[in-house]
């Protein structure tokens, strides 16, 4: 699955370039939004790899079992409290 967020960029100390985003979870079915289906797939996965692509570099991060479990528990808690997408 692909998410293409609006990125912020800044130069840090030592010439390092920092890129970040802060995306809301929004209903809908487009590659630019984080959907409930996206969250459910992460919450139910055995392995999750996140590839972060910058302008010049990329990094691949594998979520730990604890991180996946936290996402699942947060999603379940949200639904239990009546949350909807």
PDB file of N, CA and C in Angstrom:
ATOM      1  N   UNK A   1       0.847  -1.166   0.000  1.00  0.00           N
ATOM      2  CA  UNK A   1       0.000   0.000   0.000  1.00  0.00           C
ATOM      3  C   UNK A   1       0.896   1.234   0.000  1.00  0.00           C
ATOM      4  N   UNK A   2       0.441   2.275  -0.635  1.00  0.00           N
ATOM      5  CA  UNK A   2       1.242   3.490  -0.761  1.00  0.00           C
ATOM      6  C   UNK A   2       0.494   4.675  -0.181  1.00  0.00           C
ATOM      7  N   UNK A   3       1.188   5.437   0.639  1.00  0.00           N
ATOM      8  CA  UNK A   3       0.679   6.701   1.154  1.00  0.00           C
ATOM      9  C   UNK A   3       1.655   7.779   0.694  1.00  0.00           C
ATOM     10  N   UNK A   4       1.144   8.847   0.109  1.00  0.00           N
ATOM     11  CA  UNK A   4       1.981   9.948  -0.357  1.00  0.00           C
ATOM     12  C   UNK A   4       1.585  11.199   0.426  1.00  0.00           C
ATOM     13  N   UNK A   5       2.259  11.443   1.551  1.00  0.00           N
ATOM     14  CA  UNK A   5       1.888  12.586   2.392  1.00  0.00           C
ATOM     15  C   UNK A   5       2.518  13.885   1.901  1.00  0.00           C
ATOM     16  N   UNK A   6       2.024  14.989   2.437  1.00  0.00           N
ATOM     17  CA  UNK A   6       2.664  16.287   2.220  1.00  0.00           C
ATOM     18  C   UNK A   6       3.871  16.349   3.156  1.00  0.00           C
ATOM     19  N   UNK A   7       5.046  16.502   2.604  1.00  0.00           N
ATOM     20  CA  UNK A   7       6.279  16.444   3.391  1.00  0.00           C
ATOM     21  C   UNK A   7       6.778  17.835   3.752  1.00  0.00           C
ATOM     22  N   UNK A   8       7.371  17.920   4.930  1.00  0.00           N
ATOM     23  CA  UNK A   8       8.085  19.108   5.390  1.00  0.00           C
ATOM     24  C   UNK A   8       9.575  18.783   5.339  1.00  0.00           C
ATOM     25  N   UNK A   9      10.403  19.768   5.056  1.00  0.00           N
ATOM     26  CA  UNK A   9      11.843  19.555   4.953  1.00  0.00           C
ATOM     27  C   UNK A   9      12.574  20.652   5.702  1.00  0.00           C
ATOM     28  N   UNK A  10      13.701  20.274   6.328  1.00  0.00           N
ATOM     29  CA  UNK A  10      14.530  21.235   7.053  1.00  0.00           C
ATOM     30  C   UNK A  10      15.950  20.695   7.090  1.00  0.00           C
ATOM     31  N   UNK A  11      16.926  21.591   7.182  1.00  0.00           N
ATOM     32  CA  UNK A  11      18.318  21.190   7.347  1.00  0.00           C
ATOM     33  C   UNK A  11      18.651  21.187   8.830  1.00  0.00           C
ATOM     34  N   UNK A  12      19.201  20.083   9.291  1.00  0.00           N
ATOM     35  CA  UNK A  12      19.586  19.971  10.692  1.00  0.00           C
ATOM     36  C   UNK A  12      21.064  20.248  10.866  1.00  0.00           C
ATOM     37  N   UNK A  13      21.542  20.032  12.065  1.00  0.00           N
ATOM     38  CA  UNK A  13      22.961  20.221  12.351  1.00  0.00           C
ATOM     39  C   UNK A  13      23.791  19.218  11.569  1.00  0.00           C
ATOM     40  N   UNK A  14      24.976  19.616  11.184  1.00  0.00           N
ATOM     41  CA  UNK A  14      25.886  18.723  10.481  1.00  0.00           C
ATOM     42  C   UNK A  14      25.496  18.456   9.049  1.00  0.00           C
ATOM     43  N   UNK A  15      24.644  19.291   8.471  1.00  0.00           N
ATOM     44  CA  UNK A  15      24.276  19.134   7.069  1.00  0.00           C
ATOM     45  C   UNK A  15      23.235  18.056   6.805  1.00  0.00           C
ATOM     46  N   UNK A  16      22.683  17.459   7.844  1.00  0.00           N
ATOM     47  CA  UNK A  16      21.667  16.429   7.642  1.00  0.00           C
ATOM     48  C   UNK A  16      20.356  17.086   7.221  1.00  0.00           C
ATOM     49  N   UNK A  17      19.616  16.412   6.361  1.00  0.00           N
ATOM     50  CA  UNK A  17      18.321  16.902   5.904  1.00  0.00           C
ATOM     51  C   UNK A  17      17.246  16.094   6.618  1.00  0.00           C
ATOM     52  N   UNK A  18      16.280  16.795   7.196  1.00  0.00           N
ATOM     53  CA  UNK A  18      15.176  16.158   7.899  1.00  0.00           C
ATOM     54  C   UNK A  18      13.910  16.318   7.074  1.00  0.00           C
ATOM     55  N   UNK A  19      13.188  15.217   6.900  1.00  0.00           N
ATOM     56  CA  UNK A  19      11.896  15.263   6.228  1.00  0.00           C
ATOM     57  C   UNK A  19      10.882  14.584   7.148  1.00  0.00           C
ATOM     58  N   UNK A  20       9.689  15.178   7.277  1.00  0.00           N
ATOM     59  CA  UNK A  20       8.682  14.592   8.151  1.00  0.00           C
ATOM     60  C   UNK A  20       7.297  14.939   7.642  1.00  0.00           C
ATOM     61  N   UNK A  21       6.310  14.224   8.193  1.00  0.00           N
ATOM     62  CA  UNK A  21       4.923  14.509   7.877  1.00  0.00           C
ATOM     63  C   UNK A  21       4.066  14.175   9.098  1.00  0.00           C
ATOM     64  N   UNK A  22       2.874  14.687   9.112  1.00  0.00           N
ATOM     65  CA  UNK A  22       1.909  14.408  10.166  1.00  0.00           C
ATOM     66  C   UNK A  22       0.554  14.274   9.485  1.00  0.00           C
ATOM     67  N   UNK A  23       0.152  13.037   9.224  1.00  0.00           N
ATOM     68  CA  UNK A  23      -1.070  12.785   8.465  1.00  0.00           C
ATOM     69  C   UNK A  23      -2.200  12.316   9.370  1.00  0.00           C
ATOM     70  N   UNK A  24      -3.403  12.805   9.121  1.00  0.00           N
ATOM     71  CA  UNK A  24      -4.589  12.353   9.836  1.00  0.00           C
ATOM     72  C   UNK A  24      -5.096  11.060   9.210  1.00  0.00           C
ATOM     73  N   UNK A  25      -5.744  10.234  10.022  1.00  0.00           N
ATOM     74  CA  UNK A  25      -6.419   9.057   9.495  1.00  0.00           C
ATOM     75  C   UNK A  25      -7.787   9.535   9.017  1.00  0.00           C
ATOM     76  N   UNK A  26      -8.037   9.393   7.736  1.00  0.00           N
ATOM     77  CA  UNK A  26      -9.249   9.933   7.118  1.00  0.00           C
ATOM     78  C   UNK A  26      -9.910   8.827   6.307  1.00  0.00           C
ATOM     79  N   UNK A  27     -11.217   8.780   6.330  1.00  0.00           N
ATOM     80  CA  UNK A  27     -11.936   7.826   5.494  1.00  0.00           C
ATOM     81  C   UNK A  27     -11.783   8.168   4.030  1.00  0.00           C
ATOM     82  N   UNK A  28     -12.091   7.242   3.190  1.00  0.00           N
ATOM     83  CA  UNK A  28     -11.969   7.453   1.755  1.00  0.00           C
ATOM     84  C   UNK A  28     -11.167   6.324   1.150  1.00  0.00           C
ATOM     85  N   UNK A  29     -11.040   6.342  -0.125  1.00  0.00           N
ATOM     86  CA  UNK A  29     -10.317   5.269  -0.786  1.00  0.00           C
ATOM     87  C   UNK A  29      -9.424   5.868  -1.861  1.00  0.00           C
ATOM     88  N   UNK A  30      -8.365   6.507  -1.433  1.00  0.00           N
ATOM     89  CA  UNK A  30      -7.412   7.088  -2.362  1.00  0.00           C
ATOM     90  C   UNK A  30      -6.013   6.825  -1.858  1.00  0.00           C
ATOM     91  N   UNK A  31      -5.050   6.779  -2.733  1.00  0.00           N
ATOM     92  CA  UNK A  31      -3.687   6.470  -2.317  1.00  0.00           C
ATOM     93  C   UNK A  31      -3.075   7.572  -1.460  1.00  0.00           C
ATOM     94  N   UNK A  32      -3.714   8.718  -1.368  1.00  0.00           N
ATOM     95  CA  UNK A  32      -3.149   9.825  -0.609  1.00  0.00           C
ATOM     96  C   UNK A  32      -3.667   9.908   0.819  1.00  0.00           C
ATOM     97  N   UNK A  33      -4.590   9.014   1.202  1.00  0.00           N
ATOM     98  CA  UNK A  33      -5.163   9.056   2.536  1.00  0.00           C
ATOM     99  C   UNK A  33      -4.922   7.743   3.267  1.00  0.00           C
ATOM    100  N   UNK A  34      -4.827   7.815   4.573  1.00  0.00           N
ATOM    101  CA  UNK A  34      -4.725   6.617   5.392  1.00  0.00           C
ATOM    102  C   UNK A  34      -6.153   6.173   5.693  1.00  0.00           C
ATOM    103  N   UNK A  35      -6.531   5.006   5.214  1.00  0.00           N
ATOM    104  CA  UNK A  35      -7.899   4.520   5.351  1.00  0.00           C
ATOM    105  C   UNK A  35      -7.996   3.486   6.475  1.00  0.00           C
ATOM    106  N   UNK A  36      -9.221   3.158   6.840  1.00  0.00           N
ATOM    107  CA  UNK A  36      -9.437   2.108   7.835  1.00  0.00           C
ATOM    108  C   UNK A  36      -8.857   0.792   7.334  1.00  0.00           C
ATOM    109  N   UNK A  37      -9.020   0.501   6.056  1.00  0.00           N
ATOM    110  CA  UNK A  37      -8.465  -0.728   5.480  1.00  0.00           C
ATOM    111  C   UNK A  37      -6.947  -0.788   5.674  1.00  0.00           C
ATOM    112  N   UNK A  38      -6.288   0.347   5.498  1.00  0.00           N
ATOM    113  CA  UNK A  38      -4.833   0.432   5.676  1.00  0.00           C
ATOM    114  C   UNK A  38      -4.455   0.079   7.119  1.00  0.00           C
ATOM    115  N   UNK A  39      -5.168   0.668   8.086  1.00  0.00           N
ATOM    116  CA  UNK A  39      -4.895   0.408   9.502  1.00  0.00           C
ATOM    117  C   UNK A  39      -5.170  -1.051   9.837  1.00  0.00           C
ATOM    118  N   UNK A  40      -6.278  -1.602   9.330  1.00  0.00           N
ATOM    119  CA  UNK A  40      -6.626  -3.001   9.607  1.00  0.00           C
ATOM    120  C   UNK A  40      -5.569  -3.957   9.053  1.00  0.00           C
ATOM    121  N   UNK A  41      -5.028  -3.642   7.899  1.00  0.00           N
ATOM    122  CA  UNK A  41      -3.991  -4.507   7.316  1.00  0.00           C
ATOM    123  C   UNK A  41      -2.723  -4.490   8.167  1.00  0.00           C
ATOM    124  N   UNK A  42      -2.347  -3.336   8.658  1.00  0.00           N
ATOM    125  CA  UNK A  42      -1.169  -3.249   9.535  1.00  0.00           C
ATOM    126  C   UNK A  42      -1.449  -3.989  10.841  1.00  0.00           C
ATOM    127  N   UNK A  43      -2.635  -3.757  11.420  1.00  0.00           N
ATOM    128  CA  UNK A  43      -2.990  -4.363  12.709  1.00  0.00           C
ATOM    129  C   UNK A  43      -3.032  -5.887  12.634  1.00  0.00           C
ATOM    130  N   UNK A  44      -3.365  -6.442  11.481  1.00  0.00           N
ATOM    131  CA  UNK A  44      -3.474  -7.889  11.330  1.00  0.00           C
ATOM    132  C   UNK A  44      -2.262  -8.552  10.699  1.00  0.00           C
ATOM    133  N   UNK A  45      -1.240  -7.788  10.423  1.00  0.00           N
ATOM    134  CA  UNK A  45      -0.072  -8.328   9.727  1.00  0.00           C
ATOM    135  C   UNK A  45       0.894  -9.042  10.670  1.00  0.00           C
ATOM    136  N   UNK A  46       1.616  -9.989  10.117  1.00  0.00           N
ATOM    137  CA  UNK A  46       2.691 -10.647  10.866  1.00  0.00           C
ATOM    138  C   UNK A  46       3.982  -9.842  10.741  1.00  0.00           C
ATOM    139  N   UNK A  47       4.178  -9.226   9.583  1.00  0.00           N
ATOM    140  CA  UNK A  47       5.366  -8.420   9.325  1.00  0.00           C
ATOM    141  C   UNK A  47       4.939  -7.145   8.596  1.00  0.00           C
ATOM    142  N   UNK A  48       5.490  -6.015   9.032  1.00  0.00           N
ATOM    143  CA  UNK A  48       5.212  -4.738   8.373  1.00  0.00           C
ATOM    144  C   UNK A  48       6.539  -4.057   8.097  1.00  0.00           C
ATOM    145  N   UNK A  49       6.780  -3.761   6.835  1.00  0.00           N
ATOM    146  CA  UNK A  49       7.957  -2.994   6.441  1.00  0.00           C
ATOM    147  C   UNK A  49       7.487  -1.664   5.900  1.00  0.00           C
ATOM    148  N   UNK A  50       8.114  -0.601   6.375  1.00  0.00           N
ATOM    149  CA  UNK A  50       7.775   0.754   5.950  1.00  0.00           C
ATOM    150  C   UNK A  50       8.968   1.293   5.174  1.00  0.00           C
ATOM    151  N   UNK A  51       8.723   1.703   3.951  1.00  0.00           N
ATOM    152  CA  UNK A  51       9.794   2.295   3.149  1.00  0.00           C
ATOM    153  C   UNK A  51       9.551   3.791   3.079  1.00  0.00           C
ATOM    154  N   UNK A  52      10.524   4.542   3.531  1.00  0.00           N
ATOM    155  CA  UNK A  52      10.455   5.996   3.549  1.00  0.00           C
ATOM    156  C   UNK A  52      11.329   6.526   2.428  1.00  0.00           C
ATOM    157  N   UNK A  53      10.717   7.137   1.441  1.00  0.00           N
ATOM    158  CA  UNK A  53      11.444   7.665   0.286  1.00  0.00           C
ATOM    159  C   UNK A  53      11.582   9.169   0.400  1.00  0.00           C
ATOM    160  N   UNK A  54      12.815   9.645   0.389  1.00  0.00           N
ATOM    161  CA  UNK A  54      13.078  11.071   0.391  1.00  0.00           C
ATOM    162  C   UNK A  54      13.447  11.529  -1.004  1.00  0.00           C
ATOM    163  N   UNK A  55      13.921  12.737  -1.103  1.00  0.00           N
ATOM    164  CA  UNK A  55      14.303  13.259  -2.418  1.00  0.00           C
ATOM    165  C   UNK A  55      15.550  12.571  -2.953  1.00  0.00           C
ATOM    166  N   UNK A  56      16.493  12.242  -2.052  1.00  0.00           N
ATOM    167  CA  UNK A  56      17.744  11.643  -2.492  1.00  0.00           C
ATOM    168  C   UNK A  56      17.999  10.267  -1.883  1.00  0.00           C
ATOM    169  N   UNK A  57      17.398   9.985  -0.747  1.00  0.00           N
ATOM    170  CA  UNK A  57      17.689   8.749  -0.033  1.00  0.00           C
ATOM    171  C   UNK A  57      16.403   8.061   0.370  1.00  0.00           C
ATOM    172  N   UNK A  58      16.533   6.830   0.833  1.00  0.00           N
ATOM    173  CA  UNK A  58      15.395   6.089   1.355  1.00  0.00           C
ATOM    174  C   UNK A  58      15.855   5.253   2.542  1.00  0.00           C
ATOM    175  N   UNK A  59      14.882   4.809   3.345  1.00  0.00           N
ATOM    176  CA  UNK A  59      15.166   3.948   4.473  1.00  0.00           C
ATOM    177  C   UNK A  59      14.008   2.977   4.616  1.00  0.00           C
ATOM    178  N   UNK A  60      14.309   1.730   4.916  1.00  0.00           N
ATOM    179  CA  UNK A  60      13.273   0.734   5.151  1.00  0.00           C
ATOM    180  C   UNK A  60      13.316   0.342   6.618  1.00  0.00           C
ATOM    181  N   UNK A  61      12.165   0.413   7.265  1.00  0.00           N
ATOM    182  CA  UNK A  61      12.053   0.078   8.689  1.00  0.00           C
ATOM    183  C   UNK A  61      11.067  -1.060   8.838  1.00  0.00           C
ATOM    184  N   UNK A  62      11.431  -2.061   9.622  1.00  0.00           N
ATOM    185  CA  UNK A  62      10.525  -3.155   9.945  1.00  0.00           C
ATOM    186  C   UNK A  62       9.941  -2.887  11.324  1.00  0.00           C
ATOM    187  N   UNK A  63       8.608  -2.829  11.408  1.00  0.00           N
ATOM    188  CA  UNK A  63       7.970  -2.614  12.691  1.00  0.00           C
ATOM    189  C   UNK A  63       8.155  -3.850  13.572  1.00  0.00           C
ATOM    190  N   UNK A  64       8.354  -3.622  14.859  1.00  0.00           N
ATOM    191  CA  UNK A  64       8.491  -4.732  15.799  1.00  0.00           C
ATOM    192  C   UNK A  64       7.114  -5.323  16.083  1.00  0.00           C
ATOM    193  N   UNK A  65       7.110  -6.531  16.653  1.00  0.00           N
ATOM    194  CA  UNK A  65       5.852  -7.153  17.047  1.00  0.00           C
ATOM    195  C   UNK A  65       5.096  -6.260  18.035  1.00  0.00           C
ATOM    196  N   UNK A  66       5.826  -5.629  18.950  1.00  0.00           N
ATOM    197  CA  UNK A  66       5.204  -4.747  19.943  1.00  0.00           C
ATOM    198  C   UNK A  66       4.558  -3.534  19.274  1.00  0.00           C
ATOM    199  N   UNK A  67       5.197  -2.972  18.242  1.00  0.00           N
ATOM    200  CA  UNK A  67       4.629  -1.830  17.535  1.00  0.00           C
ATOM    201  C   UNK A  67       3.356  -2.213  16.788  1.00  0.00           C
ATOM    202  N   UNK A  68       3.373  -3.375  16.135  1.00  0.00           N
ATOM    203  CA  UNK A  68       2.179  -3.860  15.428  1.00  0.00           C
ATOM    204  C   UNK A  68       1.059  -4.110  16.433  1.00  0.00           C
ATOM    205  N   UNK A  69       1.385  -4.720  17.568  1.00  0.00           N
ATOM    206  CA  UNK A  69       0.394  -4.979  18.610  1.00  0.00           C
ATOM    207  C   UNK A  69      -0.204  -3.670  19.132  1.00  0.00           C
ATOM    208  N   UNK A  70       0.625  -2.660  19.309  1.00  0.00           N
ATOM    209  CA  UNK A  70       0.136  -1.355  19.781  1.00  0.00           C
ATOM    210  C   UNK A  70      -0.822  -0.728  18.779  1.00  0.00           C
ATOM    211  N   UNK A  71      -0.509  -0.833  17.505  1.00  0.00           N
ATOM    212  CA  UNK A  71      -1.403  -0.305  16.467  1.00  0.00           C
ATOM    213  C   UNK A  71      -2.741  -1.047  16.511  1.00  0.00           C
ATOM    214  N   UNK A  72      -2.680  -2.371  16.633  1.00  0.00           N
ATOM    215  CA  UNK A  72      -3.906  -3.180  16.701  1.00  0.00           C
ATOM    216  C   UNK A  72      -4.740  -2.792  17.919  1.00  0.00           C
ATOM    217  N   UNK A  73      -4.110  -2.688  19.083  1.00  0.00           N
ATOM    218  CA  UNK A  73      -4.836  -2.350  20.313  1.00  0.00           C
ATOM    219  C   UNK A  73      -5.433  -0.945  20.239  1.00  0.00           C
ATOM    220  N   UNK A  74      -4.710  -0.014  19.656  1.00  0.00           N
ATOM    221  CA  UNK A  74      -5.218   1.351  19.514  1.00  0.00           C
ATOM    222  C   UNK A  74      -6.423   1.376  18.584  1.00  0.00           C
ATOM    223  N   UNK A  75      -6.346   0.659  17.487  1.00  0.00           N
ATOM    224  CA  UNK A  75      -7.470   0.571  16.550  1.00  0.00           C
ATOM    225  C   UNK A  75      -8.687  -0.050  17.238  1.00  0.00           C
ATOM    226  N   UNK A  76      -8.477  -1.174  17.939  1.00  0.00           N
ATOM    227  CA  UNK A  76      -9.590  -1.849  18.618  1.00  0.00           C
ATOM    228  C   UNK A  76     -10.211  -0.947  19.687  1.00  0.00           C
ATOM    229  N   UNK A  77      -9.392  -0.211  20.419  1.00  0.00           N
ATOM    230  CA  UNK A  77      -9.881   0.702  21.449  1.00  0.00           C
ATOM    231  C   UNK A  77     -10.703   1.830  20.819  1.00  0.00           C
ATOM    232  N   UNK A  78     -10.225   2.348  19.722  1.00  0.00           N
ATOM    233  CA  UNK A  78     -10.924   3.411  19.002  1.00  0.00           C
ATOM    234  C   UNK A  78     -12.316   2.937  18.568  1.00  0.00           C
ATOM    235  N   UNK A  79     -12.391   1.742  18.003  1.00  0.00           N
ATOM    236  CA  UNK A  79     -13.669   1.184  17.547  1.00  0.00           C
ATOM    237  C   UNK A  79     -14.581   0.915  18.755  1.00  0.00           C
ATOM    238  N   UNK A  80     -14.016   0.362  19.840  1.00  0.00           N
ATOM    239  CA  UNK A  80     -14.800   0.061  21.033  1.00  0.00           C
ATOM    240  C   UNK A  80     -15.421   1.315  21.643  1.00  0.00           C
ATOM    241  N   UNK A  81     -14.765   2.449  21.494  1.00  0.00           N
ATOM    242  CA  UNK A  81     -15.289   3.707  22.019  1.00  0.00           C
ATOM    243  C   UNK A  81     -16.280   4.383  21.071  1.00  0.00           C
ATOM    244  N   UNK A  82     -16.583   3.685  19.967  1.00  0.00           N
ATOM    245  CA  UNK A  82     -17.563   4.231  19.030  1.00  0.00           C
ATOM    246  C   UNK A  82     -16.970   5.009  17.883  1.00  0.00           C
ATOM    247  N   UNK A  83     -15.661   4.969  17.751  1.00  0.00           N
ATOM    248  CA  UNK A  83     -15.017   5.675  16.650  1.00  0.00           C
ATOM    249  C   UNK A  83     -15.393   5.081  15.309  1.00  0.00           C
ATOM    250  N   UNK A  84     -15.415   5.911  14.294  1.00  0.00           N
ATOM    251  CA  UNK A  84     -15.719   5.432  12.939  1.00  0.00           C
ATOM    252  C   UNK A  84     -14.884   6.216  11.941  1.00  0.00           C
ATOM    253  N   UNK A  85     -14.794   5.658  10.763  1.00  0.00           N
ATOM    254  CA  UNK A  85     -14.015   6.283   9.704  1.00  0.00           C
ATOM    255  C   UNK A  85     -14.929   6.975   8.720  1.00  0.00           C
TER     256      UNK A  85
END
